[in-house]
Amino acid sequence: MSRINTNVSSLIAQRVLGQNNFSLNNSLQRLSTGVRINRGKDDPAGLIASENLRSEITATNAAISNAERADQVVNIAEGGLQEISSLLTELQGLLTATANSAGLSESEKDANQLQIDSILQTIDRISSSTNFQGVKLLNGNFDYGTSSISSDVSSFRVKGAKFDGDSLSVDVLVTQSAQKGQLFLDFNGAALDFNGTNSSFVFEVSGALGSRELQFGSGTSLSSIADAINTFTEVTGVVASANGEGITLKSSQYGSKQFVSVEVIEDGGVQGDGIFEFDSADANTLASSATATFASTVANNGITDSGQDIGANINGVVATTVGREIRVNSDILNIEITLDETAAQTLAAIDALEITGGGADFQLASSVDIAGKVSLGISEVAARKLGKTEDGDNAGSFFNLADLGAGKTLNLIDGDLTQAQKVVANAIGDVTTLRGRLGAFQKNVIGATIRSLGVAVENTSAAESIIRDADFAKETAGLTRSQILSAAAINTLSLANAQPQSVLQLLG
């Protein structure tokens, strides 16, 4: 058929040319931009997936930056703590030097006290001045706020806490009582009785700190024996008390590492029922019979009774315990609590305290939720906050590093240097523990987080690239094909447009 009004062949050629030009333009666009999806119409589902992945990559990169920033914050805090640690070491040396009282003049003691005062002032200055962009790091700014502290709690330290809402309740369940090592020496009287003989009672008392051999003659009162034993408490770790017709020996501290041991070297025929242990179920009740008489081989070889660590849960998590101290370290809560003596020996539930906020929060994951947040407590390291040590002479009273200052209870001139050294040792422990915790945070949390997030960025970027990026080999082949087909379509269209002219030959 020969028609000129409608050139169907030309229309077909135009449509095919348009399709080829569209494919050619797509290939040119993908090759010029490097991506396969330039508009939603290119791949709607792929666009959604790639945008979600891009969002995840951006958030993860931000989390890496957060972790690197957290590392710098901790570096600055640790630098201040390192200097405080050096000052405390110097302070320990000054205490030891001053204890050499026979070889020191008063002016030298005064000079040492001046150095200590200077050290304490420097510690306070470092505590108040160490900062990151104006945010103080060691003045308690990042410590945790607490309230509703139970009277059963002797001391506590919150090292980390994460929670949604206004506060986090800390509940303690005591499942096993804390105990001291203890023995009872029964002499059947208020003084030693050797039944008329001129003999001596010789025995050795040992504890967690050491041992001492003691010797007493006939008629020595039990109270005098107890006083003599107590003069060596700092050496043995054993405390004695005269009770009726005997002497109770107890370890000075609670826990499984504490013990009391008695070895009778010479009994001298002393009167009495011997050495008793206490009921395993009740530390206040003597066993019904003596473990050994004073003259027995068992007593001569030594009898030992060990203490017991408290057993407890904190918020349902089984705690690590030492003596009366309870510790839990989890992703949600890192806390240390020391119960008073009564509470530590009573199986009961305790509403210990409420954590109301505070801490240094670092966002170390791409998702902003409690799982992606790491919370770290940095306590104040001013002199008045370091070295908390219980006063052995006054129950419930405590010393701290500031008490070493001039005119204070533990000053070098007329203070108790033994107690002062304990305070300094505890202060060194406080600072080194904090430094260790910050170091562990940097190494095991920040370092691992940066490495993990780096791998996540790589893998997520690879997934996003597969979906969105152009495959140049494929697109180049497509471009060549489109170019050839477009050129062929143009030639075909030219032939189709020329075809109607052949009708003119029918007109002669």
Protein backbone atom coordinates (compact mmCIF):
# COMPACT_ATOMS: atom_id res chain seq x y z
CA MET A 1 0.00 0.00 0.00
CA SER A 2 1.15 3.50 -0.78
CA ARG A 3 -0.18 6.29 1.46
CA ILE A 4 1.29 9.72 2.13
CA ASN A 5 -1.01 11.17 4.83
CA THR A 6 0.20 8.73 7.50
CA ASN A 7 3.79 7.54 7.35
CA VAL A 8 3.64 4.63 9.79
CA SER A 9 7.23 3.64 9.13
CA SER A 10 8.38 7.13 10.07
CA LEU A 11 6.37 7.04 13.30
CA ILE A 12 7.91 3.72 14.26
CA ALA A 13 11.38 5.02 13.49
CA GLN A 14 10.72 8.18 15.57
CA ARG A 15 9.54 6.11 18.57
CA VAL A 16 12.54 3.80 18.43
CA LEU A 17 14.88 6.79 18.01
CA GLY A 18 13.34 8.39 21.10
CA GLN A 19 13.87 5.22 23.12
CA ASN A 20 17.46 4.93 21.97
CA ASN A 21 18.14 8.58 22.76
CA PHE A 22 16.61 8.06 26.25
CA SER A 23 18.92 5.10 26.89
CA LEU A 24 21.86 7.08 25.54
CA ASN A 25 21.10 10.05 27.81
CA ASN A 26 20.75 7.73 30.86
CA SER A 27 24.12 6.16 30.11
CA LEU A 28 25.73 9.58 29.65
CA GLN A 29 24.23 10.83 32.94
CA ARG A 30 25.35 7.78 34.93
CA LEU A 31 28.85 7.93 33.47
CA SER A 32 29.15 11.65 34.15
CA THR A 33 27.82 11.48 37.75
CA GLY A 34 29.20 8.08 38.66
CA VAL A 35 25.92 6.94 40.20
CA ARG A 36 23.24 4.63 38.88
CA ILE A 37 20.33 6.26 40.75
CA ASN A 38 20.12 9.99 40.00
CA ARG A 39 16.36 10.34 40.46
CA GLY A 40 13.70 8.40 42.26
CA LYS A 41 12.35 7.05 38.98
CA ASP A 42 15.69 5.35 38.25
CA ASP A 43 15.06 2.81 41.07
CA PRO A 44 12.50 3.78 43.75
CA ALA A 45 13.29 0.86 46.09
CA GLY A 46 17.01 1.25 45.57
CA LEU A 47 16.78 4.97 46.30
CA ILE A 48 15.06 4.29 49.66
CA ALA A 49 17.64 1.67 50.63
CA SER A 50 20.62 3.79 49.61
CA GLU A 51 19.34 6.90 51.43
CA ASN A 52 18.86 4.85 54.62
CA LEU A 53 22.39 3.52 54.27
CA ARG A 54 23.75 7.03 53.63
CA SER A 55 22.03 8.22 56.81
CA GLU A 56 23.59 5.33 58.74
CA ILE A 57 27.04 6.15 57.34
CA THR A 58 26.72 9.81 58.35
CA ALA A 59 25.58 8.91 61.87
CA THR A 60 28.36 6.34 62.26
CA ASN A 61 31.00 8.83 61.14
CA ALA A 62 29.61 11.26 63.73
CA ALA A 63 29.89 8.52 66.38
CA ILE A 64 33.55 8.00 65.41
CA SER A 65 34.13 11.74 65.84
CA ASN A 66 32.40 11.55 69.23
CA ALA A 67 34.68 8.70 70.29
CA GLU A 68 37.77 10.60 69.19
CA ARG A 69 36.54 13.64 71.11
CA ALA A 70 35.90 11.49 74.19
CA ASP A 71 39.47 10.19 73.94
CA GLN A 72 40.80 13.74 74.02
CA VAL A 73 38.60 14.63 77.01
CA VAL A 74 39.88 11.64 78.96
CA ASN A 75 43.48 12.43 77.94
CA ILE A 76 43.19 15.86 79.54
CA ALA A 77 41.62 14.44 82.71
CA GLU A 78 44.26 11.72 82.94
CA GLY A 79 47.01 14.31 82.54
CA GLY A 80 45.76 16.15 85.62
CA LEU A 81 45.46 12.91 87.58
CA GLN A 82 49.00 11.91 86.62
CA GLU A 83 50.35 15.10 88.20
CA ILE A 84 48.26 14.56 91.34
CA SER A 85 49.61 11.01 91.55
CA SER A 86 53.18 12.34 91.46
CA LEU A 87 52.37 14.85 94.21
CA LEU A 88 50.89 12.11 96.41
CA THR A 89 54.01 9.98 95.94
CA GLU A 90 56.12 12.93 97.07
CA LEU A 91 53.78 13.41 100.01
CA GLN A 92 54.31 9.79 101.05
CA GLY A 93 58.05 10.39 101.08
CA LEU A 94 57.69 13.49 103.26
CA LEU A 95 55.65 11.52 105.79
CA THR A 96 58.25 8.78 106.02
CA ALA A 97 61.06 11.30 106.35
CA THR A 98 59.25 13.20 109.10
CA ALA A 99 58.59 10.00 111.06
CA ASN A 100 62.36 9.89 111.65
CA SER A 101 61.77 12.30 114.53
CA ALA A 102 65.05 11.70 116.37
CA GLY A 103 67.02 12.76 113.31
CA LEU A 104 64.95 15.82 112.40
CA SER A 105 64.98 19.30 113.85
CA GLU A 106 61.78 21.24 114.45
CA SER A 107 62.65 23.60 111.62
CA GLU A 108 62.93 20.64 109.22
CA LYS A 109 59.54 19.38 110.34
CA ASP A 110 58.11 22.85 109.76
CA ALA A 111 59.67 22.88 106.29
CA ASN A 112 58.16 19.49 105.50
CA GLN A 113 54.75 20.71 106.67
CA LEU A 114 55.07 23.73 104.38
CA GLN A 115 55.73 21.37 101.48
CA ILE A 116 52.70 19.31 102.38
CA ASP A 117 50.53 22.43 102.55
CA SER A 118 51.84 23.45 99.13
CA ILE A 119 51.10 19.97 97.73
CA LEU A 120 47.54 20.03 99.08
CA GLN A 121 46.96 23.48 97.56
CA THR A 122 48.33 22.30 94.22
CA ILE A 123 46.06 19.23 94.26
CA ASP A 124 43.05 21.49 94.84
CA ARG A 125 44.18 23.83 92.07
CA ILE A 126 44.58 20.99 89.57
CA SER A 127 41.19 19.64 90.59
CA SER A 128 39.49 22.96 89.93
CA SER A 129 41.39 24.03 86.81
CA THR A 130 41.64 20.91 84.61
CA ASN A 131 39.11 21.53 81.83
CA PHE A 132 38.10 20.81 78.25
CA GLN A 133 36.73 23.87 76.43
CA GLY A 134 35.89 25.42 79.78
CA VAL A 135 34.14 22.32 81.14
CA LYS A 136 35.81 21.31 84.43
CA LEU A 137 36.74 17.62 84.48
CA LEU A 138 38.09 16.89 87.97
CA ASN A 139 36.00 19.10 90.25
CA GLY A 140 33.07 16.69 90.55
CA ASN A 141 31.29 18.19 87.55
CA PHE A 142 31.02 14.68 86.08
CA ASP A 143 30.29 12.90 89.35
CA TYR A 144 26.84 11.38 89.96
CA GLY A 145 24.12 13.01 92.02
CA THR A 146 22.52 10.82 94.66
CA SER A 147 19.66 10.98 97.15
CA SER A 148 17.75 8.83 99.66
CA ILE A 149 20.98 7.25 100.92
CA SER A 150 20.21 4.49 103.42
CA SER A 151 21.69 4.63 106.90
CA ASP A 152 22.87 1.05 106.26
CA VAL A 153 25.35 2.35 103.68
CA SER A 154 28.70 3.26 105.18
CA SER A 155 30.21 4.55 101.93
CA PHE A 156 29.66 4.26 98.19
CA ARG A 157 31.06 5.32 94.85
CA VAL A 158 29.12 5.46 91.58
CA LYS A 159 31.50 4.92 88.67
CA GLY A 160 28.97 4.60 85.87
CA ALA A 161 25.19 4.59 85.41
CA LYS A 162 22.81 4.65 82.45
CA PHE A 163 19.09 5.08 82.87
CA ASP A 164 15.98 6.55 81.27
CA GLY A 165 13.84 8.78 83.41
CA ASP A 166 14.67 10.96 86.39
CA SER A 167 16.56 8.48 88.56
CA LEU A 168 17.85 4.95 89.05
CA SER A 169 17.16 3.03 92.26
CA VAL A 170 20.01 0.95 93.67
CA ASP A 171 18.71 -2.01 95.70
CA VAL A 172 20.91 -4.40 97.65
CA LEU A 173 19.94 -7.90 98.73
CA VAL A 174 22.29 -9.38 101.35
CA THR A 175 22.40 -13.16 100.84
CA GLN A 176 25.38 -13.99 103.08
CA SER A 177 26.62 -12.17 106.15
CA ALA A 178 30.10 -10.69 106.42
CA GLN A 179 32.13 -12.15 109.28
CA LYS A 180 35.40 -11.60 111.10
CA GLY A 181 37.76 -14.36 112.07
CA GLN A 182 37.31 -14.93 115.81
CA LEU A 183 38.27 -17.28 118.64
CA PHE A 184 37.52 -17.37 122.38
CA LEU A 185 40.10 -18.30 125.02
CA ASP A 186 38.29 -19.56 128.13
CA PHE A 187 40.37 -19.22 131.36
CA ASN A 188 37.52 -19.77 133.86
CA GLY A 189 38.32 -16.57 135.72
CA ALA A 190 39.17 -12.88 135.52
CA ALA A 191 42.91 -13.61 135.76
CA LEU A 192 45.34 -16.37 134.83
CA ASP A 193 45.43 -19.21 137.36
CA PHE A 194 48.26 -21.77 137.29
CA ASN A 195 46.93 -23.73 140.27
CA GLY A 196 49.64 -22.52 142.63
CA THR A 197 52.61 -23.12 140.32
CA ASN A 198 55.06 -20.45 139.25
CA SER A 199 54.53 -20.94 135.51
CA SER A 200 53.93 -18.84 132.40
CA PHE A 201 51.40 -18.98 129.62
CA VAL A 202 53.14 -18.46 126.27
CA PHE A 203 51.16 -18.22 123.06
CA GLU A 204 51.38 -16.72 119.60
CA VAL A 205 48.60 -14.57 118.13
CA SER A 206 48.48 -14.25 114.33
CA GLY A 207 46.31 -12.31 111.93
CA ALA A 208 46.25 -11.11 108.34
CA LEU A 209 49.02 -8.55 109.03
CA GLY A 210 51.45 -10.65 111.06
CA SER A 211 52.03 -12.41 114.38
CA ARG A 212 53.36 -11.80 117.89
CA GLU A 213 54.45 -14.13 120.69
CA LEU A 214 53.24 -13.12 124.17
CA GLN A 215 54.03 -14.42 127.65
CA PHE A 216 52.05 -13.85 130.87
CA GLY A 217 52.53 -14.95 134.45
CA SER A 218 50.16 -16.09 137.18
CA GLY A 219 47.57 -13.59 138.30
CA THR A 220 47.70 -11.46 135.15
CA SER A 221 44.23 -10.05 134.59
CA LEU A 222 42.41 -10.83 131.36
CA SER A 223 41.93 -7.12 130.71
CA SER A 224 45.73 -6.62 130.90
CA ILE A 225 46.24 -9.49 128.45
CA ALA A 226 43.68 -7.98 126.07
CA ASP A 227 45.39 -4.56 126.33
CA ALA A 228 48.77 -6.16 125.57
CA ILE A 229 47.38 -7.92 122.49
CA ASN A 230 45.79 -4.69 121.29
CA THR A 231 49.10 -2.83 121.40
CA PHE A 232 50.11 -5.02 118.43
CA THR A 233 46.86 -4.71 116.47
CA GLU A 234 48.60 -2.61 113.80
CA VAL A 235 51.11 -5.45 113.41
CA THR A 236 48.84 -8.51 113.67
CA GLY A 237 45.41 -7.29 112.55
CA VAL A 238 43.87 -8.86 115.67
CA VAL A 239 41.70 -7.10 118.27
CA ALA A 240 41.19 -8.56 121.78
CA SER A 241 38.54 -7.94 124.43
CA ALA A 242 38.13 -9.41 127.89
CA ASN A 243 34.69 -10.98 128.27
CA GLY A 244 33.78 -12.51 131.63
CA GLU A 245 36.12 -15.46 132.16
CA GLY A 246 37.83 -15.36 128.80
CA ILE A 247 39.27 -13.30 125.94
CA THR A 248 37.67 -12.86 122.53
CA LEU A 249 40.09 -12.45 119.62
CA LYS A 250 38.75 -10.96 116.38
CA SER A 251 40.30 -9.89 113.12
CA SER A 252 40.21 -6.12 112.77
CA GLN A 253 38.50 -6.37 109.38
CA TYR A 254 35.82 -8.49 107.72
CA GLY A 255 36.32 -10.93 104.89
CA SER A 256 37.69 -14.28 103.80
CA LYS A 257 41.27 -12.95 103.72
CA GLN A 258 41.07 -12.05 107.42
CA PHE A 259 41.76 -14.59 110.16
CA VAL A 260 42.70 -15.15 113.77
CA SER A 261 45.14 -17.87 114.76
CA VAL A 262 46.29 -18.95 118.24
CA GLU A 263 49.21 -21.27 118.89
CA VAL A 264 49.88 -22.30 122.49
CA ILE A 265 53.64 -22.66 122.92
CA GLU A 266 53.63 -23.29 126.71
CA ASP A 267 50.37 -23.78 128.57
CA GLY A 268 52.07 -23.75 132.02
CA GLY A 269 49.18 -25.71 133.45
CA VAL A 270 46.90 -22.69 133.17
CA GLN A 271 43.33 -23.35 134.28
CA GLY A 272 40.50 -23.04 131.74
CA ASP A 273 38.39 -24.92 129.26
CA GLY A 274 40.56 -24.09 126.25
CA ILE A 275 40.04 -22.51 122.84
CA PHE A 276 36.52 -22.20 121.45
CA GLU A 277 35.30 -21.39 117.97
CA PHE A 278 31.97 -19.69 117.33
CA ASP A 279 28.82 -21.24 115.91
CA SER A 280 28.99 -21.28 112.10
CA ALA A 281 25.37 -20.12 111.88
CA ASP A 282 25.67 -17.39 114.54
CA ALA A 283 28.87 -15.42 115.04
CA ASN A 284 27.65 -14.26 118.46
CA THR A 285 27.22 -17.79 119.90
CA LEU A 286 30.07 -19.97 121.13
CA ALA A 287 30.30 -23.57 120.00
CA SER A 288 28.99 -26.01 122.60
CA SER A 289 32.42 -27.52 123.22
CA ALA A 290 36.03 -26.40 123.04
CA THR A 291 37.97 -27.02 119.86
CA ALA A 292 41.04 -27.83 121.95
CA THR A 293 42.32 -27.55 125.50
CA PHE A 294 45.34 -25.34 126.14
CA ALA A 295 47.55 -28.36 126.79
CA SER A 296 46.51 -30.31 123.71
CA THR A 297 48.61 -31.02 120.64
CA VAL A 298 45.91 -29.34 118.54
CA ALA A 299 46.41 -26.06 120.43
CA ASN A 300 50.17 -26.47 120.17
CA ASN A 301 49.91 -26.79 116.38
CA GLY A 302 47.64 -23.76 116.17
CA ILE A 303 43.92 -23.14 115.68
CA THR A 304 42.72 -20.74 112.99
CA ASP A 305 39.35 -19.19 112.22
CA SER A 306 38.85 -17.24 109.00
CA GLY A 307 36.36 -14.50 108.25
CA GLN A 308 33.74 -14.45 105.52
CA ASP A 309 32.95 -12.04 102.68
CA ILE A 310 29.46 -10.64 102.41
CA GLY A 311 27.25 -12.12 99.68
CA ALA A 312 24.87 -9.79 97.88
CA ASN A 313 23.01 -8.79 94.72
CA ILE A 314 22.69 -5.26 93.39
CA ASN A 315 19.62 -4.66 91.22
CA GLY A 316 19.42 -8.40 90.61
CA VAL A 317 23.06 -8.77 89.53
CA VAL A 318 25.31 -10.99 91.63
CA ALA A 319 27.95 -8.72 93.17
CA THR A 320 31.67 -9.21 93.61
CA THR A 321 32.41 -8.84 97.32
CA VAL A 322 35.35 -8.28 99.65
CA GLY A 323 34.64 -8.00 103.35
CA ARG A 324 31.72 -5.56 103.66
CA GLU A 325 32.29 -4.09 100.19
CA ILE A 326 29.92 -4.93 97.32
CA ARG A 327 30.80 -4.21 93.68
CA VAL A 328 28.87 -4.51 90.43
CA ASN A 329 30.26 -3.52 87.03
CA SER A 330 27.79 -3.86 84.14
CA ASP A 331 26.90 -1.86 81.05
CA ILE A 332 24.07 -0.22 83.00
CA LEU A 333 25.56 0.22 86.48
CA ASN A 334 29.10 0.37 87.88
CA ILE A 335 29.02 0.95 91.63
CA GLU A 336 30.83 0.12 94.88
CA ILE A 337 28.94 0.06 98.18
CA THR A 338 30.23 -0.63 101.68
CA LEU A 339 27.57 -1.54 104.23
CA ASP A 340 27.87 -0.79 107.93
CA GLU A 341 28.64 -3.67 110.28
CA THR A 342 25.05 -4.38 111.31
CA ALA A 343 23.67 -4.36 107.77
CA ALA A 344 26.59 -6.46 106.48
CA GLN A 345 25.70 -9.20 108.97
CA THR A 346 21.94 -9.17 108.41
CA LEU A 347 20.26 -11.09 105.57
CA ALA A 348 17.82 -8.50 104.24
CA ALA A 349 16.88 -6.24 101.34
CA ILE A 350 18.16 -2.65 101.46
CA ASP A 351 17.01 0.36 99.47
CA ALA A 352 20.57 1.68 99.26
CA LEU A 353 20.26 4.94 97.32
CA GLU A 354 18.88 6.78 94.30
CA ILE A 355 21.11 7.98 91.44
CA THR A 356 19.55 11.22 90.25
CA GLY A 357 21.81 12.16 87.36
CA GLY A 358 25.30 13.36 86.52
CA GLY A 359 28.20 11.55 84.95
CA ALA A 360 29.95 12.15 81.64
CA ASP A 361 27.77 10.83 78.80
CA PHE A 362 29.40 9.93 75.49
CA GLN A 363 27.37 8.99 72.40
CA LEU A 364 29.45 6.20 70.86
CA ALA A 365 26.93 4.62 68.49
CA SER A 366 24.91 5.79 65.51
CA SER A 367 21.60 5.21 67.31
CA VAL A 368 20.78 7.79 69.97
CA ASP A 369 19.42 5.54 72.71
CA ILE A 370 20.54 4.05 76.03
CA ALA A 371 22.33 1.20 74.28
CA GLY A 372 24.48 3.58 72.26
CA LYS A 373 25.42 5.77 75.22
CA VAL A 374 28.37 5.22 77.55
CA SER A 375 28.26 6.93 80.93
CA LEU A 376 31.39 7.52 83.00
CA GLY A 377 31.66 8.99 86.48
CA ILE A 378 34.69 11.17 87.30
CA SER A 379 34.76 11.99 90.98
CA GLU A 380 36.21 15.13 92.49
CA VAL A 381 39.90 14.84 93.37
CA ALA A 382 40.23 17.78 95.74
CA ALA A 383 42.23 17.04 98.91
CA ARG A 384 39.09 16.87 101.05
CA LYS A 385 37.70 14.13 98.79
CA LEU A 386 40.76 11.88 98.68
CA GLY A 387 42.05 9.25 101.11
CA LYS A 388 38.88 8.68 103.12
CA THR A 389 39.94 6.52 106.07
CA GLU A 390 37.92 5.45 109.08
CA ASP A 391 39.12 6.70 112.45
CA GLY A 392 39.81 3.55 114.45
CA ASP A 393 39.29 5.42 117.73
CA ASN A 394 35.95 6.98 116.78
CA ALA A 395 33.45 4.76 114.99
CA GLY A 396 31.71 6.55 112.14
CA SER A 397 34.39 9.25 111.97
CA PHE A 398 36.67 9.57 108.91
CA PHE A 399 39.90 11.31 107.95
CA ASN A 400 40.81 12.64 104.50
CA LEU A 401 43.87 14.11 102.79
CA ALA A 402 43.01 17.66 103.84
CA ASP A 403 43.54 16.61 107.48
CA LEU A 404 47.31 16.59 106.80
CA GLY A 405 47.28 20.37 106.49
CA ALA A 406 48.87 22.67 109.07
CA GLY A 407 46.87 22.76 112.29
CA LYS A 408 44.75 19.77 111.25
CA THR A 409 44.47 16.42 113.05
CA LEU A 410 47.10 14.62 110.96
CA ASN A 411 49.66 17.41 110.52
CA LEU A 412 53.37 16.55 110.61
CA ILE A 413 54.20 18.51 113.72
CA ASP A 414 52.03 16.80 116.33
CA GLY A 415 49.60 14.64 114.36
CA ASP A 416 49.22 10.88 114.07
CA LEU A 417 51.69 9.98 111.30
CA THR A 418 50.61 6.34 111.19
CA GLN A 419 47.05 7.38 110.43
CA ALA A 420 48.32 10.05 108.04
CA GLN A 421 50.21 7.43 106.04
CA LYS A 422 47.04 5.33 105.77
CA VAL A 423 45.20 8.37 104.44
CA VAL A 424 47.92 9.06 101.85
CA ALA A 425 47.98 5.40 100.82
CA ASN A 426 44.21 5.46 100.34
CA ALA A 427 44.47 8.73 98.40
CA ILE A 428 47.05 7.16 96.09
CA GLY A 429 44.68 4.22 95.68
CA ASP A 430 41.78 6.57 94.87
CA VAL A 431 43.73 8.40 92.17
CA THR A 432 45.36 5.33 90.62
CA THR A 433 42.02 3.51 90.58
CA LEU A 434 40.42 6.45 88.77
CA ARG A 435 43.34 6.61 86.33
CA GLY A 436 43.07 2.88 85.71
CA ARG A 437 39.33 3.18 85.10
CA LEU A 438 39.85 6.05 82.65
CA GLY A 439 42.63 4.11 80.93
CA ALA A 440 40.43 1.05 80.61
CA PHE A 441 37.68 3.28 79.17
CA GLN A 442 40.10 4.64 76.56
CA LYS A 443 41.56 1.27 75.64
CA ASN A 444 38.62 -1.09 75.85
CA VAL A 445 35.68 1.21 75.12
CA ILE A 446 36.87 4.12 72.98
CA GLY A 447 39.56 2.20 71.10
CA ALA A 448 37.33 -0.79 70.40
CA THR A 449 34.44 1.50 69.46
CA ILE A 450 36.49 3.46 66.92
CA ARG A 451 37.74 0.25 65.32
CA SER A 452 34.28 -1.32 65.28
CA LEU A 453 32.60 1.77 63.87
CA GLY A 454 35.32 2.08 61.21
CA VAL A 455 34.55 -1.43 60.01
CA ALA A 456 30.82 -0.63 60.10
CA VAL A 457 31.37 2.46 57.89
CA GLU A 458 33.36 0.38 55.40
CA ASN A 459 30.73 -2.33 55.16
CA THR A 460 27.79 0.06 55.04
CA SER A 461 29.51 2.16 52.36
CA ALA A 462 30.13 -0.98 50.33
CA ALA A 463 26.44 -1.90 50.59
CA GLU A 464 25.37 1.60 49.58
CA SER A 465 27.83 1.60 46.67
CA ILE A 466 26.45 -1.66 45.28
CA ILE A 467 22.95 -0.21 45.26
CA ARG A 468 23.63 3.33 44.07
CA ASP A 469 26.96 3.62 42.26
CA ALA A 470 27.22 3.12 38.51
CA ASP A 471 29.00 0.10 37.05
CA PHE A 472 31.24 1.79 34.49
CA ALA A 473 31.90 -1.36 32.52
CA LYS A 474 28.19 -2.02 32.17
CA GLU A 475 27.30 1.61 31.47
CA THR A 476 30.08 1.98 28.89
CA ALA A 477 28.79 -1.08 27.03
CA GLY A 478 25.27 0.36 27.23
CA LEU A 479 26.49 3.71 25.95
CA THR A 480 28.12 2.09 22.91
CA ARG A 481 24.99 0.07 22.19
CA SER A 482 22.76 3.16 22.52
CA GLN A 483 25.03 5.19 20.26
CA ILE A 484 24.89 2.52 17.53
CA LEU A 485 21.14 2.04 17.85
CA SER A 486 20.55 5.80 17.84
CA ALA A 487 22.60 6.23 14.67
CA ALA A 488 20.76 3.33 13.04
CA ALA A 489 17.42 4.80 14.06
CA ILE A 490 18.35 8.15 12.50
CA ASN A 491 19.26 6.46 9.22
CA THR A 492 16.07 4.42 9.32
CA LEU A 493 13.99 7.52 10.00
CA SER A 494 15.63 9.21 7.01
CA LEU A 495 14.65 6.27 4.77
CA ALA A 496 11.12 6.18 6.20
CA ASN A 497 10.65 9.89 5.50
CA ALA A 498 11.86 9.43 1.91
CA GLN A 499 9.60 6.46 1.19
CA PRO A 500 6.35 8.50 0.43
CA GLN A 501 8.10 10.29 -2.43
CA SER A 502 8.01 7.09 -4.49
CA VAL A 503 4.21 7.54 -4.84
CA LEU A 504 4.83 10.42 -7.22
CA GLN A 505 5.97 7.97 -9.87
CA LEU A 506 2.38 6.66 -10.10
CA LEU A 507 1.23 10.09 -11.33
CA GLY A 508 3.35 9.71 -14.53
